[in-house]
C-alpha atoms as a PDB file:
ATOM      1  CA  MET A   1     130.942  87.777 127.335  1.00  0.00           C
ATOM      2  CA  SER A   2     133.887  88.120 124.983  1.00  0.00           C
ATOM      3  CA  VAL A   3     137.084  90.153 124.877  1.00  0.00           C
ATOM      4  CA  VAL A   4     139.513  90.658 122.019  1.00  0.00           C
ATOM      5  CA  PHE A   5     143.237  91.332 122.250  1.00  0.00           C
ATOM      6  CA  ILE A   6     145.051  93.111 119.439  1.00  0.00           C
ATOM      7  CA  THR A   7     148.631  91.944 119.876  1.00  0.00           C
ATOM      8  CA  ASP A   8     151.806  91.187 118.034  1.00  0.00           C
ATOM      9  CA  PRO A   9     151.933  87.629 116.600  1.00  0.00           C
ATOM     10  CA  LEU A  10     151.306  85.102 119.374  1.00  0.00           C
ATOM     11  CA  GLU A  11     154.487  83.199 118.615  1.00  0.00           C
ATOM     12  CA  SER A  12     156.502  86.363 119.340  1.00  0.00           C
ATOM     13  CA  LEU A  13     155.120  86.700 122.890  1.00  0.00           C
ATOM     14  CA  ASN A  14     156.796  85.266 125.975  1.00  0.00           C
ATOM     15  CA  ALA A  15     154.153  82.927 127.358  1.00  0.00           C
ATOM     16  CA  ALA A  16     155.670  82.967 130.850  1.00  0.00           C
ATOM     17  CA  THR A  17     156.022  86.719 131.433  1.00  0.00           C
ATOM     18  CA  ASP A  18     154.153  88.739 128.804  1.00  0.00           C
ATOM     19  CA  THR A  19     151.488  91.037 130.238  1.00  0.00           C
ATOM     20  CA  SER A  20     149.114  90.410 127.334  1.00  0.00           C
ATOM     21  CA  ILE A  21     149.208  86.684 128.115  1.00  0.00           C
ATOM     22  CA  GLY A  22     148.611  87.435 131.786  1.00  0.00           C
ATOM     23  CA  LEU A  23     145.528  89.466 130.895  1.00  0.00           C
ATOM     24  CA  MET A  24     144.285  86.745 128.541  1.00  0.00           C
ATOM     25  CA  ARG A  25     144.691  84.137 131.273  1.00  0.00           C
ATOM     26  CA  ALA A  26     142.837  86.326 133.769  1.00  0.00           C
ATOM     27  CA  ALA A  27     139.993  86.733 131.270  1.00  0.00           C
ATOM     28  CA  GLN A  28     139.920  82.993 130.559  1.00  0.00           C
ATOM     29  CA  ASN A  29     139.808  82.265 134.306  1.00  0.00           C
ATOM     30  CA  ARG A  30     136.663  84.400 134.444  1.00  0.00           C
ATOM     31  CA  ASP A  31     135.001  82.286 131.751  1.00  0.00           C
ATOM     32  CA  LEU A  32     135.218  85.006 129.121  1.00  0.00           C
ATOM     33  CA  GLN A  33     135.642  84.096 125.483  1.00  0.00           C
ATOM     34  CA  VAL A  34     139.127  85.291 124.499  1.00  0.00           C
ATOM     35  CA  TRP A  35     139.774  86.329 120.921  1.00  0.00           C
ATOM     36  CA  VAL A  36     143.097  87.422 119.468  1.00  0.00           C
ATOM     37  CA  THR A  37     143.946  89.392 116.346  1.00  0.00           C
ATOM     38  CA  GLU A  38     146.622  91.705 114.953  1.00  0.00           C
ATOM     39  CA  ALA A  39     146.534  95.359 113.953  1.00  0.00           C
ATOM     40  CA  HIS A  40     146.666  94.701 110.204  1.00  0.00           C
ATOM     41  CA  LEU A  41     143.632  92.393 110.463  1.00  0.00           C
ATOM     42  CA  LEU A  42     141.275  95.187 111.553  1.00  0.00           C
ATOM     43  CA  GLU A  43     138.898  96.602 108.964  1.00  0.00           C
ATOM     44  CA  ALA A  44     135.921  98.926 108.622  1.00  0.00           C
ATOM     45  CA  VAL A  45     132.762  97.558 106.981  1.00  0.00           C
ATOM     46  CA  HIS A  46     129.662  99.704 106.541  1.00  0.00           C
ATOM     47  CA  GLY A  47     130.778 102.018 109.330  1.00  0.00           C
ATOM     48  CA  ARG A  48     131.512  99.230 111.825  1.00  0.00           C
ATOM     49  CA  ALA A  49     134.852  97.881 113.022  1.00  0.00           C
ATOM     50  CA  ARG A  50     135.573  94.213 112.701  1.00  0.00           C
ATOM     51  CA  ALA A  51     138.624  91.961 112.812  1.00  0.00           C
ATOM     52  CA  LEU A  52     139.721  88.636 111.454  1.00  0.00           C
ATOM     53  CA  ALA A  53     140.309  86.935 114.797  1.00  0.00           C
ATOM     54  CA  ARG A  54     140.835  83.511 116.339  1.00  0.00           C
ATOM     55  CA  ARG A  55     139.259  82.112 119.486  1.00  0.00           C
ATOM     56  CA  LEU A  56     142.092  81.423 121.928  1.00  0.00           C
ATOM     57  CA  ARG A  57     142.460  78.853 124.655  1.00  0.00           C
ATOM     58  CA  LEU A  58     145.558  78.956 126.862  1.00  0.00           C
ATOM     59  CA  ALA A  59     147.082  75.724 128.109  1.00  0.00           C
ATOM     60  CA  ALA A  60     147.339  75.182 131.846  1.00  0.00           C
ATOM     61  CA  SER A  61     150.478  76.386 133.576  1.00  0.00           C
ATOM     62  CA  SER A  62     152.088  74.860 136.652  1.00  0.00           C
ATOM     63  CA  PRO A  63     153.986  76.326 139.608  1.00  0.00           C
ATOM     64  CA  PRO A  64     157.774  76.611 139.191  1.00  0.00           C
ATOM     65  CA  PRO A  65     160.144  74.416 141.209  1.00  0.00           C
ATOM     66  CA  PRO A  66     161.188  75.779 144.628  1.00  0.00           C
ATOM     67  CA  SER A  67     163.648  78.655 144.472  1.00  0.00           C
ATOM     68  CA  PRO A  68     165.943  80.170 147.117  1.00  0.00           C
ATOM     69  CA  ARG A  69     165.195  83.602 145.703  1.00  0.00           C
ATOM     70  CA  ARG A  70     163.046  85.916 147.756  1.00  0.00           C
ATOM     71  CA  TYR A  71     160.644  86.648 144.964  1.00  0.00           C
ATOM     72  CA  GLY A  72     158.703  84.436 142.605  1.00  0.00           C
ATOM     73  CA  ARG A  73     159.578  83.018 139.228  1.00  0.00           C
ATOM     74  CA  PRO A  74     157.428  82.506 136.131  1.00  0.00           C
ATOM     75  CA  ARG A  75     155.143  79.507 136.164  1.00  0.00           C
ATOM     76  CA  ALA A  76     156.146  76.625 133.919  1.00  0.00           C
ATOM     77  CA  VAL A  77     154.410  76.823 130.554  1.00  0.00           C
ATOM     78  CA  ALA A  78     153.788  73.957 128.158  1.00  0.00           C
ATOM     79  CA  SER A  79     155.756  74.049 124.907  1.00  0.00           C
ATOM     80  CA  THR A  80     152.420  74.280 123.124  1.00  0.00           C
ATOM     81  CA  TRP A  81     150.890  76.947 125.294  1.00  0.00           C
ATOM     82  CA  TYR A  82     147.803  77.887 123.315  1.00  0.00           C
ATOM     83  CA  GLU A  83     145.209  76.564 120.922  1.00  0.00           C
ATOM     84  CA  THR A  84     143.213  78.638 118.486  1.00  0.00           C
ATOM     85  CA  GLY A  85     140.188  78.067 116.345  1.00  0.00           C
ATOM     86  CA  GLU A  86     139.876  78.916 112.691  1.00  0.00           C
ATOM     87  CA  PRO A  87     140.026  82.631 111.821  1.00  0.00           C
ATOM     88  CA  ARG A  88     136.634  84.289 111.560  1.00  0.00           C
ATOM     89  CA  HIS A  89     135.350  87.838 111.351  1.00  0.00           C
ATOM     90  CA  VAL A  90     134.079  89.304 114.632  1.00  0.00           C
ATOM     91  CA  TRP A  91     132.425  92.666 115.207  1.00  0.00           C
ATOM     92  CA  LEU A  92     134.414  94.653 117.742  1.00  0.00           C
ATOM     93  CA  ASP A  93     131.361  96.558 118.964  1.00  0.00           C
ATOM     94  CA  GLU A  94     129.920  93.233 120.143  1.00  0.00           C
ATOM     95  CA  MET A  95     132.861  92.651 122.468  1.00  0.00           C
ATOM     96  CA  THR A  96     132.815  93.369 126.197  1.00  0.00           C
ATOM     97  CA  ALA A  97     136.263  94.910 125.888  1.00  0.00           C
ATOM     98  CA  VAL A  98     138.996  95.557 123.348  1.00  0.00           C
ATOM     99  CA  PHE A  99     142.599  95.461 124.564  1.00  0.00           C
ATOM    100  CA  MET A 100     144.967  97.275 122.203  1.00  0.00           C
ATOM    101  CA  ARG A 101     148.280  95.626 123.077  1.00  0.00           C
ATOM    102  CA  THR A 102     150.490  96.084 120.006  1.00  0.00           C
ATOM    103  CA  GLU A 103     154.047  97.075 120.873  1.00  0.00           C
ATOM    104  CA  PRO A 104     155.647 100.164 119.314  1.00  0.00           C
ATOM    105  CA  PRO A 105     156.749 101.434 116.870  1.00  0.00           C
ATOM    106  CA  LEU A 106     153.568 103.377 116.249  1.00  0.00           C
ATOM    107  CA  ASP A 107     153.736 103.043 112.483  1.00  0.00           C
ATOM    108  CA  LYS A 108     151.104 103.467 109.766  1.00  0.00           C
ATOM    109  CA  THR A 109     149.610 100.057 110.492  1.00  0.00           C
ATOM    110  CA  TYR A 110     149.177 100.992 114.142  1.00  0.00           C
ATOM    111  CA  LEU A 111     147.710 104.404 113.286  1.00  0.00           C
ATOM    112  CA  THR A 112     145.242 102.880 110.830  1.00  0.00           C
ATOM    113  CA  ALA A 113     144.172 100.342 113.457  1.00  0.00           C
ATOM    114  CA  THR A 114     143.417 103.121 115.960  1.00  0.00           C
ATOM    115  CA  LEU A 115     141.349 104.946 113.338  1.00  0.00           C
ATOM    116  CA  VAL A 116     139.311 101.803 112.728  1.00  0.00           C
ATOM    117  CA  LEU A 117     138.862 101.408 116.490  1.00  0.00           C
ATOM    118  CA  ASP A 118     137.379 104.921 116.571  1.00  0.00           C
ATOM    119  CA  LEU A 119     134.248 103.293 115.108  1.00  0.00           C
ATOM    120  CA  VAL A 120     133.715 101.392 118.374  1.00  0.00           C
ATOM    121  CA  ASP A 121     131.648 103.318 120.925  1.00  0.00           C
ATOM    122  CA  PRO A 122     133.649 103.378 124.205  1.00  0.00           C
ATOM    123  CA  ALA A 123     130.374 103.885 126.082  1.00  0.00           C
ATOM    124  CA  GLU A 124     129.338 100.387 124.972  1.00  0.00           C
ATOM    125  CA  THR A 125     132.645  98.510 124.715  1.00  0.00           C
ATOM    126  CA  VAL A 126     135.448  99.094 127.233  1.00  0.00           C
ATOM    127  CA  MET A 127     138.607 100.204 125.426  1.00  0.00           C
ATOM    128  CA  VAL A 128     142.012  99.553 126.988  1.00  0.00           C
ATOM    129  CA  ASN A 129     143.138 102.072 125.930  1.00  0.00           C
ATOM    130  CA  ASP A 130     140.881 104.403 123.931  1.00  0.00           C
ATOM    131  CA  PRO A 131     142.357 104.801 120.430  1.00  0.00           C
ATOM    132  CA  ARG A 132     141.900 108.572 120.539  1.00  0.00           C
ATOM    133  CA  GLY A 133     143.937 108.681 123.719  1.00  0.00           C
ATOM    134  CA  LEU A 134     146.622 106.473 122.206  1.00  0.00           C
ATOM    135  CA  ARG A 135     147.100 109.051 119.469  1.00  0.00           C
ATOM    136  CA  ALA A 136     146.884 112.071 121.764  1.00  0.00           C
ATOM    137  CA  CYS A 137     149.135 110.855 124.585  1.00  0.00           C
ATOM    138  CA  ALA A 138     152.591 110.471 123.069  1.00  0.00           C
ATOM    139  CA  GLU A 139     154.517 108.658 125.774  1.00  0.00           C
ATOM    140  CA  HIS A 140     157.668 110.798 125.701  1.00  0.00           C
ATOM    141  CA  ILE A 141     155.907 114.088 124.908  1.00  0.00           C
ATOM    142  CA  LEU A 142     152.949 114.023 127.316  1.00  0.00           C
ATOM    143  CA  PRO A 143     155.186 114.777 130.349  1.00  0.00           C
ATOM    144  CA  LEU A 144     156.187 118.074 128.716  1.00  0.00           C
ATOM    145  CA  HIS A 145     152.736 119.382 129.634  1.00  0.00           C
ATOM    146  CA  TYR A 146     153.848 119.196 133.284  1.00  0.00           C
ATOM    147  CA  PRO A 147     157.169 121.113 133.277  1.00  0.00           C
ATOM    148  CA  ASP A 148     157.291 121.306 137.074  1.00  0.00           C
ATOM    149  CA  LEU A 149     157.144 117.500 137.338  1.00  0.00           C
ATOM    150  CA  ILE A 150     159.953 116.651 134.921  1.00  0.00           C
ATOM    151  CA  PRO A 151     163.719 117.279 134.849  1.00  0.00           C
ATOM    152  CA  PRO A 152     165.104 119.956 132.485  1.00  0.00           C
ATOM    153  CA  THR A 153     164.163 118.778 129.001  1.00  0.00           C
ATOM    154  CA  ILE A 154     164.344 119.962 125.402  1.00  0.00           C
ATOM    155  CA  VAL A 155     163.028 118.462 122.168  1.00  0.00           C
ATOM    156  CA  THR A 156     165.066 119.409 119.122  1.00  0.00           C
ATOM    157  CA  ALA A 157     166.758 118.150 115.972  1.00  0.00           C
ATOM    158  CA  ASP A 158     169.505 120.772 116.238  1.00  0.00           C
ATOM    159  CA  PRO A 159     172.842 119.299 117.395  1.00  0.00           C
ATOM    160  CA  ASP A 160     174.017 122.764 118.473  1.00  0.00           C
ATOM    161  CA  ALA A 161     171.001 123.144 120.752  1.00  0.00           C
ATOM    162  CA  ILE A 162     171.840 119.793 122.347  1.00  0.00           C
ATOM    163  CA  ARG A 163     175.472 120.895 122.777  1.00  0.00           C
ATOM    164  CA  SER A 164     174.318 124.039 124.577  1.00  0.00           C
ATOM    165  CA  PHE A 165     171.989 122.005 126.779  1.00  0.00           C
ATOM    166  CA  LEU A 166     174.799 119.572 127.499  1.00  0.00           C
ATOM    167  CA  ALA A 167     177.170 122.396 128.414  1.00  0.00           C
ATOM    168  CA  GLU A 168     174.614 123.531 130.975  1.00  0.00           C
ATOM    169  CA  HIS A 169     174.027 120.107 132.545  1.00  0.00           C
ATOM    170  CA  ASP A 170     177.287 118.213 131.814  1.00  0.00           C
ATOM    171  CA  ALA A 171     175.478 114.860 131.358  1.00  0.00           C
ATOM    172  CA  VAL A 172     172.215 114.280 129.511  1.00  0.00           C
ATOM    173  CA  VAL A 173     170.138 111.395 128.227  1.00  0.00           C
ATOM    174  CA  VAL A 174     169.089 111.557 124.577  1.00  0.00           C
ATOM    175  CA  LYS A 175     166.311 109.362 123.210  1.00  0.00           C
ATOM    176  CA  PRO A 176     164.151 109.192 120.072  1.00  0.00           C
ATOM    177  CA  VAL A 177     160.779 110.889 120.359  1.00  0.00           C
ATOM    178  CA  ASP A 178     159.129 107.692 119.137  1.00  0.00           C
ATOM    179  CA  GLY A 179     161.514 105.276 120.843  1.00  0.00           C
ATOM    180  CA  PHE A 180     160.629 102.307 123.012  1.00  0.00           C
ATOM    181  CA  GLY A 181     162.276  99.604 125.067  1.00  0.00           C
ATOM    182  CA  GLY A 182     165.474 101.604 125.575  1.00  0.00           C
ATOM    183  CA  ARG A 183     166.332 101.439 121.878  1.00  0.00           C
ATOM    184  CA  GLY A 184     168.464 104.343 120.705  1.00  0.00           C
ATOM    185  CA  VAL A 185     168.810 105.840 124.197  1.00  0.00           C
ATOM    186  CA  LEU A 186     172.199 107.463 124.778  1.00  0.00           C
ATOM    187  CA  ARG A 187     173.911 108.975 127.797  1.00  0.00           C
ATOM    188  CA  LEU A 188     176.073 111.889 126.643  1.00  0.00           C
ATOM    189  CA  HIS A 189     178.852 113.709 128.471  1.00  0.00           C
ATOM    190  CA  SER A 190     180.192 117.126 127.573  1.00  0.00           C
ATOM    191  CA  GLN A 191     183.762 115.762 127.251  1.00  0.00           C
ATOM    192  CA  ASP A 192     182.880 112.640 125.250  1.00  0.00           C
ATOM    193  CA  PRO A 193     185.234 112.479 122.228  1.00  0.00           C
ATOM    194  CA  ASN A 194     182.464 110.704 120.312  1.00  0.00           C
ATOM    195  CA  LEU A 195     179.952 113.507 120.924  1.00  0.00           C
ATOM    196  CA  ALA A 196     179.834 114.868 117.383  1.00  0.00           C
ATOM    197  CA  SER A 197     179.270 111.418 115.898  1.00  0.00           C
ATOM    198  CA  LEU A 198     176.631 110.509 118.501  1.00  0.00           C
ATOM    199  CA  LEU A 199     174.704 113.721 117.807  1.00  0.00           C
ATOM    200  CA  GLU A 200     174.859 113.129 114.064  1.00  0.00           C
ATOM    201  CA  THR A 201     173.568 109.588 114.544  1.00  0.00           C
ATOM    202  CA  SER A 202     170.796 110.373 117.029  1.00  0.00           C
ATOM    203  CA  THR A 203     169.425 113.369 115.085  1.00  0.00           C
ATOM    204  CA  HIS A 204     170.013 111.877 111.611  1.00  0.00           C
ATOM    205  CA  ASP A 205     172.270 114.826 110.800  1.00  0.00           C
ATOM    206  CA  GLY A 206     169.822 117.343 112.223  1.00  0.00           C
ATOM    207  CA  ARG A 207     166.711 115.973 110.500  1.00  0.00           C
ATOM    208  CA  ARG A 208     165.057 114.066 113.365  1.00  0.00           C
ATOM    209  CA  ALA A 209     164.004 115.551 116.670  1.00  0.00           C
ATOM    210  CA  VAL A 210     165.134 113.850 119.850  1.00  0.00           C
ATOM    211  CA  ILE A 211     164.438 114.352 123.532  1.00  0.00           C
ATOM    212  CA  ALA A 212     167.388 115.571 125.596  1.00  0.00           C
ATOM    213  CA  GLN A 213     166.962 115.410 129.357  1.00  0.00           C
ATOM    214  CA  ARG A 214     169.293 116.120 132.243  1.00  0.00           C
ATOM    215  CA  PHE A 215     170.787 112.869 133.505  1.00  0.00           C
ATOM    216  CA  LEU A 216     169.458 112.015 136.949  1.00  0.00           C
ATOM    217  CA  PRO A 217     171.976 110.350 139.294  1.00  0.00           C
ATOM    218  CA  GLU A 218     168.994 109.197 141.378  1.00  0.00           C
ATOM    219  CA  VAL A 219     168.468 106.469 138.790  1.00  0.00           C
ATOM    220  CA  SER A 220     171.055 104.410 140.685  1.00  0.00           C
ATOM    221  CA  ALA A 221     168.390 103.990 143.394  1.00  0.00           C
ATOM    222  CA  GLY A 222     165.941 102.665 140.816  1.00  0.00           C
ATOM    223  CA  ASN A 223     163.558 103.738 138.096  1.00  0.00           C
ATOM    224  CA  LYS A 224     160.063 103.385 139.527  1.00  0.00           C
ATOM    225  CA  ARG A 225     157.171 102.087 137.398  1.00  0.00           C
ATOM    226  CA  ILE A 226     153.842 103.181 138.890  1.00  0.00           C
ATOM    227  CA  PHE A 227     150.806 101.311 137.588  1.00  0.00           C
ATOM    228  CA  MET A 228     147.657 103.419 137.239  1.00  0.00           C
ATOM    229  CA  VAL A 229     144.273 101.802 136.635  1.00  0.00           C
ATOM    230  CA  ALA A 230     141.274 104.051 136.036  1.00  0.00           C
ATOM    231  CA  GLY A 231     143.284 107.023 137.310  1.00  0.00           C
ATOM    232  CA  GLU A 232     144.427 105.456 140.579  1.00  0.00           C
ATOM    233  CA  PRO A 233     147.916 104.202 141.486  1.00  0.00           C
ATOM    234  CA  VAL A 234     147.552 100.501 142.300  1.00  0.00           C
ATOM    235  CA  GLY A 235     151.194  99.566 142.875  1.00  0.00           C
ATOM    236  CA  ALA A 236     154.789 100.293 141.936  1.00  0.00           C
ATOM    237  CA  VAL A 237     158.001  98.410 141.282  1.00  0.00           C
ATOM    238  CA  TYR A 238     161.654  99.372 141.064  1.00  0.00           C
ATOM    239  CA  ARG A 239     163.664  98.623 137.954  1.00  0.00           C
ATOM    240  CA  TYR A 240     167.433  98.991 138.057  1.00  0.00           C
ATOM    241  CA  GLN A 241     170.180  99.612 135.577  1.00  0.00           C
ATOM    242  CA  ALA A 242     171.266  96.439 133.835  1.00  0.00           C
ATOM    243  CA  PRO A 243     174.859  95.301 134.473  1.00  0.00           C
ATOM    244  CA  GLY A 244     177.184  97.085 132.077  1.00  0.00           C
ATOM    245  CA  ASP A 245     174.301  99.200 130.726  1.00  0.00           C
ATOM    246  CA  PHE A 246     172.947 102.496 132.061  1.00  0.00           C
ATOM    247  CA  ARG A 247     169.483 101.618 130.742  1.00  0.00           C
ATOM    248  CA  ILE A 248     166.784 100.013 132.843  1.00  0.00           C
ATOM    249  CA  GLY A 249     166.101  96.290 133.262  1.00  0.00           C
ATOM    250  CA  ASP A 250     163.126  94.259 134.477  1.00  0.00           C
ATOM    251  CA  PRO A 251     161.165  94.814 137.715  1.00  0.00           C
ATOM    252  CA  ALA A 252     163.292  93.794 140.677  1.00  0.00           C
ATOM    253  CA  ALA A 253     161.531  94.881 143.880  1.00  0.00           C
ATOM    254  CA  GLN A 254     158.390  96.420 145.280  1.00  0.00           C
ATOM    255  CA  ALA A 255     158.495 100.209 145.459  1.00  0.00           C
ATOM    256  CA  PRO A 256     156.541 102.483 147.784  1.00  0.00           C
ATOM    257  CA  VAL A 257     153.979 104.878 146.335  1.00  0.00           C
ATOM    258  CA  THR A 258     155.114 108.098 148.001  1.00  0.00           C
ATOM    259  CA  SER A 259     153.264 111.360 148.536  1.00  0.00           C
ATOM    260  CA  ARG A 260     155.213 112.797 145.588  1.00  0.00           C
ATOM    261  CA  ASP A 261     154.143 109.849 143.434  1.00  0.00           C
ATOM    262  CA  ARG A 262     150.519 110.450 144.400  1.00  0.00           C
ATOM    263  CA  GLU A 263     150.902 114.121 143.560  1.00  0.00           C
ATOM    264  CA  ILE A 264     152.171 113.173 140.086  1.00  0.00           C
ATOM    265  CA  CYS A 265     149.315 110.708 139.585  1.00  0.00           C
ATOM    266  CA  ALA A 266     146.727 113.243 140.733  1.00  0.00           C
ATOM    267  CA  ARG A 267     148.067 115.826 138.303  1.00  0.00           C
ATOM    268  CA  LEU A 268     147.871 113.417 135.368  1.00  0.00           C
ATOM    269  CA  GLU A 269     144.574 111.761 136.279  1.00  0.00           C
ATOM    270  CA  PRO A 270     142.219 114.353 134.676  1.00  0.00           C
ATOM    271  CA  ASP A 271     144.050 114.255 131.341  1.00  0.00           C
ATOM    272  CA  LEU A 272     144.333 110.467 131.326  1.00  0.00           C
ATOM    273  CA  ARG A 273     140.635 110.138 132.140  1.00  0.00           C
ATOM    274  CA  ARG A 274     139.681 112.693 129.474  1.00  0.00           C
ATOM    275  CA  HIS A 275     141.626 110.729 126.865  1.00  0.00           C
ATOM    276  CA  GLY A 276     140.205 107.348 127.897  1.00  0.00           C
ATOM    277  CA  ILE A 277     143.497 105.997 129.244  1.00  0.00           C
ATOM    278  CA  ARG A 278     142.368 103.227 131.550  1.00  0.00           C
ATOM    279  CA  LEU A 279     145.817 101.681 132.042  1.00  0.00           C
ATOM    280  CA  ALA A 280     149.031 103.699 132.311  1.00  0.00           C
ATOM    281  CA  GLY A 281     152.548 103.034 133.499  1.00  0.00           C
ATOM    282  CA  LEU A 282     154.326 106.092 134.884  1.00  0.00           C
ATOM    283  CA  ASP A 283     158.117 106.023 134.974  1.00  0.00           C
ATOM    284  CA  VAL A 284     159.529 108.107 137.815  1.00  0.00           C
ATOM    285  CA  ILE A 285     163.131 108.720 138.862  1.00  0.00           C
ATOM    286  CA  GLY A 286     163.489 110.370 142.254  1.00  0.00           C
ATOM    287  CA  PRO A 287     160.878 113.162 142.314  1.00  0.00           C
ATOM    288  CA  HIS A 288     160.744 113.458 138.516  1.00  0.00           C
ATOM    289  CA  LEU A 289     158.215 112.136 136.008  1.00  0.00           C
ATOM    290  CA  ILE A 290     160.063 110.708 132.990  1.00  0.00           C
ATOM    291  CA  GLU A 291     157.554 108.894 130.799  1.00  0.00           C
ATOM    292  CA  VAL A 292     153.864 107.962 130.623  1.00  0.00           C
ATOM    293  CA  ASN A 293     153.385 104.535 129.023  1.00  0.00           C
ATOM    294  CA  VAL A 294     149.945 104.044 127.476  1.00  0.00           C
ATOM    295  CA  THR A 295     150.332 101.984 124.294  1.00  0.00           C
ATOM    296  CA  SER A 296     151.144  98.479 125.509  1.00  0.00           C
ATOM    297  CA  VAL A 297     151.854  98.954 129.193  1.00  0.00           C
ATOM    298  CA  GLY A 298     154.118  96.144 130.297  1.00  0.00           C
ATOM    299  CA  ALA A 299     155.608  94.715 133.489  1.00  0.00           C
ATOM    300  CA  LEU A 300     152.231  93.978 135.141  1.00  0.00           C
ATOM    301  CA  ARG A 301     152.682  90.244 134.857  1.00  0.00           C
ATOM    302  CA  LYS A 302     156.337  90.453 135.834  1.00  0.00           C
ATOM    303  CA  ALA A 303     155.274  92.371 138.946  1.00  0.00           C
ATOM    304  CA  ASP A 304     152.650  89.702 139.658  1.00  0.00           C
ATOM    305  CA  ILE A 305     155.321  87.009 139.400  1.00  0.00           C
ATOM    306  CA  LEU A 306     157.876  88.973 141.392  1.00  0.00           C
ATOM    307  CA  LEU A 307     155.681  89.996 144.270  1.00  0.00           C
ATOM    308  CA  GLY A 308     152.704  87.658 144.230  1.00  0.00           C
ATOM    309  CA  TRP A 309     150.388  90.472 143.162  1.00  0.00           C
ATOM    310  CA  SER A 310     147.300  90.174 140.941  1.00  0.00           C
ATOM    311  CA  LEU A 311     147.553  93.260 138.718  1.00  0.00           C
ATOM    312  CA  CYS A 312     146.467  91.420 135.557  1.00  0.00           C
ATOM    313  CA  ALA A 313     143.429  89.898 137.263  1.00  0.00           C
ATOM    314  CA  ASP A 314     142.562  93.190 138.951  1.00  0.00           C
ATOM    315  CA  LEU A 315     142.621  95.042 135.629  1.00  0.00           C
ATOM    316  CA  VAL A 316     140.294  92.490 134.036  1.00  0.00           C
ATOM    317  CA  ASP A 317     137.978  92.757 137.054  1.00  0.00           C
ATOM    318  CA  SER A 318     138.024  96.546 136.698  1.00  0.00           C
ATOM    319  CA  VAL A 319     137.034  96.228 133.044  1.00  0.00           C
ATOM    320  CA  LEU A 320     134.202  93.832 133.870  1.00  0.00           C
ATOM    321  CA  GLY A 321     133.036  96.086 136.693  1.00  0.00           C
ATOM    322  CA  THR A 322     132.883  99.057 134.351  1.00  0.00           C
ATOM    323  CA  HIS A 323     130.923  97.003 131.841  1.00  0.00           C
ATOM    324  CA  GLU A 324     128.405  95.934 134.495  1.00  0.00           C
ATOM    325  CA  GLN A 325     128.057  99.477 135.873  1.00  0.00           C
ATOM    326  CA  ARG A 326     126.940 100.613 132.430  1.00  0.00           C
ATOM    327  CA  GLY A 327     124.090  98.119 132.610  1.00  0.00           C
ATOM    328  CA  ILE A 328     125.237  96.222 129.563  1.00  0.00           C
ATOM    329  CA  ALA A 329     123.988  92.657 129.328  1.00  0.00           C
END
């Protein structure tokens, strides 16, 4: 059996902590052929999707030296951490699974790749995640369909509307609708002397919509990332504000999956399942849903390293189990 990963260039990935690499290693450990390609290398030929891909073999990694820290550290990785064969065309509908793991922004290249992936029958090849779902489930917008689960939120390009919202809540977080990785996220205060300039910058002088959301003081206790696989919460980690930065850093500790968290997951599960979202990362602050990550859900491997979990391996096993349940040889 073979799997293909659509990723950013291999040399741009962190071999020690990147989730895509963790999934590739889990697939390799299960004797699957691992292929890797990039979004711009996908093409449609006679109604079928194919990619110019390379067969990948990951070098062995070794345990890190002993550490006094409570939690684990990344395994040591060789300087040359992978080998690839010569590029060749592969048919994506002949793969056991396709992992779409390209990081945002979701530009024209990304959109075109998802349209090509539409030619692959998800009943025959497991898609992580389904390209139709990737287009339908905008990570910052999807939570708006659950107004009782999220903090007060508006989406607007109008600086005056944001001012009014800010006057009501005193402190708000503003972020681009298509943002990622904390880029362009601002915390605004009603008395900030830079407010006018910040609103002009974030909305491009009223021409670009942004998300404005009431600032949640509960974030000081951690932003929780809940991992959902096939609609079920399988674990959660806390991420905390980085020193000198109100935005969120890497996973730092195991988090409980509370009854409120399970309520949120249960509410989202039918829509995620309907859209073919097999892997999702829900960001929760206190009792509030903030974001639903579906494009290139990260932090799985970091959680594995931190807590000794096996999220990457479990996801690959889930994919293989689904493939076997369908009776596919």
